[in-house]
Amino acid sequence: MQRILIIIANCVLLAFLLIGLPAATREQWGNLQFSSAPTGRLLMFWGLGIAAAVNIFVALFLIKVRKSKILCWEWAAVFGGLLLVFYAFTLGKLNFHWLRHALEWLQKHF
């Protein structure tokens, strides 16, 4: 039961961060966008960092069962990895030009 609760809580948090947060911070009226990009990025950084920290805290101090601890550590790694990817994307170190080039190559050859 504890493992199911951990999975459900983390899935809800992940959906909130990846779907709900961008939708809530983007305000659009017609073709004009009024939202602040730095505010959305800051909220995403804090959300991912807090999610990873809470999973680490729960694994260290609140859960005694080994399998549930491992599950919390795995979720902490997922949120930490997403935080690193989002940080690299924000700095411009991670881009998707390779995908565009690959799709253009496929379009030419097929």
Protein backbone atom coordinates (compact mmCIF):
# COMPACT_ATOMS: atom_id res chain seq x y z
CA MET A 1 0.00 0.00 0.00
CA GLN A 2 2.87 2.36 0.83
CA ARG A 3 4.49 1.79 -2.56
CA ILE A 4 1.23 2.54 -4.39
CA LEU A 5 0.86 5.76 -2.40
CA ILE A 6 4.41 6.80 -3.32
CA ILE A 7 3.83 6.07 -7.00
CA ILE A 8 0.49 7.89 -7.14
CA ALA A 9 1.81 10.95 -5.26
CA ASN A 10 4.86 11.24 -7.51
CA CYS A 11 2.86 10.72 -10.71
CA VAL A 12 0.42 13.45 -9.68
CA LEU A 13 3.32 15.76 -8.83
CA LEU A 14 5.02 14.99 -12.15
CA ALA A 15 1.82 15.67 -14.10
CA PHE A 16 1.33 18.91 -12.18
CA LEU A 17 4.87 20.07 -12.94
CA LEU A 18 4.98 19.06 -16.60
CA ILE A 19 1.40 19.84 -17.64
CA GLY A 20 -0.28 22.04 -15.05
CA LEU A 21 2.51 24.47 -14.28
CA PRO A 22 3.19 25.55 -17.87
CA ALA A 23 -0.54 25.85 -18.50
CA ALA A 24 -1.04 27.96 -15.38
CA THR A 25 1.89 30.30 -16.03
CA ARG A 26 1.02 30.90 -19.69
CA GLU A 27 -1.59 33.56 -20.12
CA GLN A 28 -2.67 34.14 -23.67
CA TRP A 29 -5.28 36.41 -25.17
CA GLY A 30 -5.78 35.87 -28.86
CA ASN A 31 -2.34 35.69 -30.44
CA LEU A 32 -0.64 37.69 -27.67
CA GLN A 33 1.14 35.97 -24.83
CA PHE A 34 1.30 37.89 -21.55
CA SER A 35 3.16 35.43 -19.35
CA SER A 36 6.66 35.89 -18.05
CA ALA A 37 9.09 33.21 -19.22
CA PRO A 38 11.50 33.70 -16.27
CA THR A 39 8.65 33.19 -13.81
CA GLY A 40 7.68 29.91 -15.44
CA ARG A 41 11.29 28.70 -15.46
CA LEU A 42 11.77 29.68 -11.82
CA LEU A 43 8.63 27.84 -10.77
CA MET A 44 9.70 24.76 -12.72
CA PHE A 45 13.17 24.80 -11.12
CA TRP A 46 11.72 25.14 -7.63
CA GLY A 47 9.07 22.50 -8.26
CA LEU A 48 11.53 19.91 -9.55
CA GLY A 49 14.02 20.71 -6.78
CA ILE A 50 11.41 20.46 -4.04
CA ALA A 51 10.05 17.19 -5.47
CA ALA A 52 13.53 15.66 -5.48
CA ALA A 53 14.27 16.96 -1.97
CA VAL A 54 11.00 15.63 -0.56
CA ASN A 55 11.65 12.18 -2.02
CA ILE A 56 15.15 12.16 -0.51
CA PHE A 57 13.81 13.32 2.87
CA VAL A 58 11.10 10.66 2.87
CA ALA A 59 13.59 7.95 1.88
CA LEU A 60 16.04 8.96 4.61
CA PHE A 61 13.77 9.68 7.56
CA LEU A 62 10.19 8.49 7.15
CA ILE A 63 10.20 5.13 5.39
CA LYS A 64 11.64 2.00 6.96
CA VAL A 65 10.82 -0.61 4.28
CA ARG A 66 13.72 -1.23 1.89
CA LYS A 67 11.67 -1.53 -1.32
CA SER A 68 9.81 1.70 -0.59
CA LYS A 69 13.09 3.49 0.14
CA ILE A 70 14.48 2.35 -3.19
CA LEU A 71 11.33 3.58 -4.91
CA CYS A 72 11.72 7.02 -3.30
CA TRP A 73 15.37 7.15 -4.38
CA GLU A 74 14.33 6.27 -7.93
CA TRP A 75 11.76 9.08 -7.98
CA ALA A 76 14.34 11.47 -6.56
CA ALA A 77 16.64 10.48 -9.43
CA VAL A 78 13.84 11.07 -11.95
CA PHE A 79 13.13 14.55 -10.61
CA GLY A 80 16.85 15.33 -10.32
CA GLY A 81 17.43 14.19 -13.89
CA LEU A 82 14.56 16.34 -15.12
CA LEU A 83 16.01 19.26 -13.20
CA LEU A 84 19.40 18.80 -14.90
CA VAL A 85 17.82 18.45 -18.36
CA PHE A 86 15.66 21.54 -17.81
CA TYR A 87 18.69 23.48 -16.59
CA ALA A 88 20.73 22.47 -19.65
CA PHE A 89 17.83 23.38 -21.93
CA THR A 90 17.45 26.78 -20.23
CA LEU A 91 21.16 27.53 -20.67
CA GLY A 92 20.98 26.53 -24.32
CA LYS A 93 23.30 23.56 -23.89
CA LEU A 94 20.55 21.15 -24.92
CA ASN A 95 18.71 21.86 -28.13
CA PHE A 96 16.74 19.92 -30.65
CA HIS A 97 18.51 20.99 -33.84
CA TRP A 98 19.65 17.41 -34.30
CA LEU A 99 16.02 16.31 -34.43
CA ARG A 100 15.17 18.90 -37.06
CA HIS A 101 18.18 17.85 -39.16
CA ALA A 102 17.27 14.18 -38.83
CA LEU A 103 13.68 14.83 -39.88
CA GLU A 104 14.82 16.94 -42.83
CA TRP A 105 17.19 14.15 -43.88
CA LEU A 106 14.35 11.61 -43.66
CA GLN A 107 12.10 13.88 -45.67
CA LYS A 108 14.72 14.19 -48.45
CA HIS A 109 15.47 10.49 -48.66
CA PHE A 110 12.01 9.00 -48.29
